[in-house]
Amino acid sequence: MGDRTTGAAQTRLSTGTSGLDDVLCGGLTPHRLYLVEGTPGSGKTTLALKFLMNGRENAERGLYITLSETVDELTAVAQSHSWTLDDIDLYELVAEDEYSSDREQSLLHPSEVELGETVRGIINLVEENNPTRVVLDSLSELRLLAQNPLRYRRQILALKHFFARRNCTVLMLDDRTAEPGDLQLHSIAHGVVSLEQLANDFGSERRRLRVIKMRGLKYHGGYHDFTIEKGGLCVYPRLIAADHARDFSADAVTTGLDELDALLGGGLVPGTNALLAGPAGVGKTTTAVRCMLAALNRGEKAAYFLFDERLSTLLTRSRALGMDVQPFIDNGQLEIRQIDPAELSPGEFASAVRTTVEKDGVNVVAIDSLNAYLHAMPSDNFLVLQMHELLSYLAQQGVVSLMILGQHGVTGELRTDIDISYLADTVMMLRFFEAEGEVRKSIAVIKTRTSDHERSIREFKIDATGIVIGEPIRSFSGVLSGTPVFTQRTDALLQLDPQTSDGAK
């Protein structure tokens, strides 16, 4: 994976799929043979057709040789993407009369004759059409005809040298019908791209790709999520935070509430993330919306990724609490995206966040909530790694990140699916407590890496005017543990309006 490029290899050839070109740091080395492998349905044909279409746009002649699919099937694939395959040569190598009884013979094993005829047919087609880009679909047919690994390897090597003399860039498609561990093709091909399709117990299938090898070129290793959309493959390169950085002001910005700014030691600092943790209904989402609204009022842009709640419910409640965000949606300052974690891969989500930051110029990103994001991941370890990279990226972009984490339970000992507080620059803890026969709410900042924050616990309430934060609570101990104990009445609690329902998420 080293950057051992020669002068001739500096020129890159686009695959036609922009995300894959990004993974390959520019594209393919021209005049080489590449292997694209994957199970049926993983997207090999779509990727190959896009490769030939990109060549057509650059006045390069393309040739698609199919040993398994028909030309009609290829045309149907193109039509499903609203593509036209004009000026691309499509050939079915085996015609229908090849299977008739008149062509049967018994002196030689059929495979010995058919393999030679198939290879000669490929060579003849290339010589007749003189293409620059070639797709051979699929190698499983040649493997079956060869009968043994030695003959198969020799035929592929012969084709490789033939294509090299013709200055062709070749994609060979393989459907992984070889024996497990058979790496014959890997050793011959100049580069190998592997496509995978994974089925989950619930939700849509997930697709990902990996560049297994690419001689003489630097590329981004590891798995990269992709989807098949109308128009081709959408590849979401794995986010590498170290590759993205920009200059920004690190001056703290207000949350819109003086008392909350005091708790935070001056406000939220660009390039940091804040975790709002607490049980359901305590006011995490409302607090996040309040912080986001302050940024919108400053003329900044924000993006809100909503996993748990319906968009209509969020808008209705925010409006009822005097925090109407609809005008900012209308003028383009705010984007609220409702996300179904069962239908979205982690790579696609990270790509959506990158798009809002780099193309839309947002300054505040809210993720509501990490609990639902967890369910979109295959394991807890992946969640932590993905979130660490995403938060590092947002930090280097100078974005204020707000993360909401729901905790199980209401009072007493609370727990979460995963502890991610060590990744947070700021942790705000929201809790219920009981006083004078009423359920009340408290907020405290238990961690911040950017300032000397206030260490007191304050009571707050949510009413028609929004969020109201009171003075530090001095008459109770054990509020954060969920089992508060009254010590002495030295301070006044907030007056609750019995007509106002402040049950907010």
Foldseek 3Di string as FASTA:
>chain_A
DDQQADPLQPDAQALLAVQVCQQQVHHARFLFEEEEEAAPPLAPLLSNLSSQVSCVVVVFAAEEEAADDDPVVSCVVQVQLPHDCPRHHYDDLDDPCCPDPVNDDDPDDVLVVVLVSSLVSVLVVCVVRLGQEYEYHACVVNVVSQVDPVSSLVSVLVVRVSSSVSRHYYYYYYNPPDDPPDCSVVVRGQWYKYKYWADDPDFDIWIWMATPHHPNGDGNGDIWTWDADSNGIHTQDQFAQVVAFDDDDQQADALQDPVVCQQQFHHFTFLFEEEEEAAAQLQQVLSVLSSVLSCVVVVFAEEEEAEPDDPVVVQVVCVQLVNHCVVCVVVVRYHYHYDHLSHDALSRVLSVVVCCCPVVPGQEYEYHAVQSVCVSDPDPVVSLVSVLSSSSNSSSSRHYYYYYFHWPDAFADTHGPDDNVVSHQWYKYKHWEDDPRDIWIKIHIPHHNPHDGDGFIWTWFGFSNGIDIDDGDDQWPCRRNRDIDGHDPPDDHDDDDPVTDRRDD
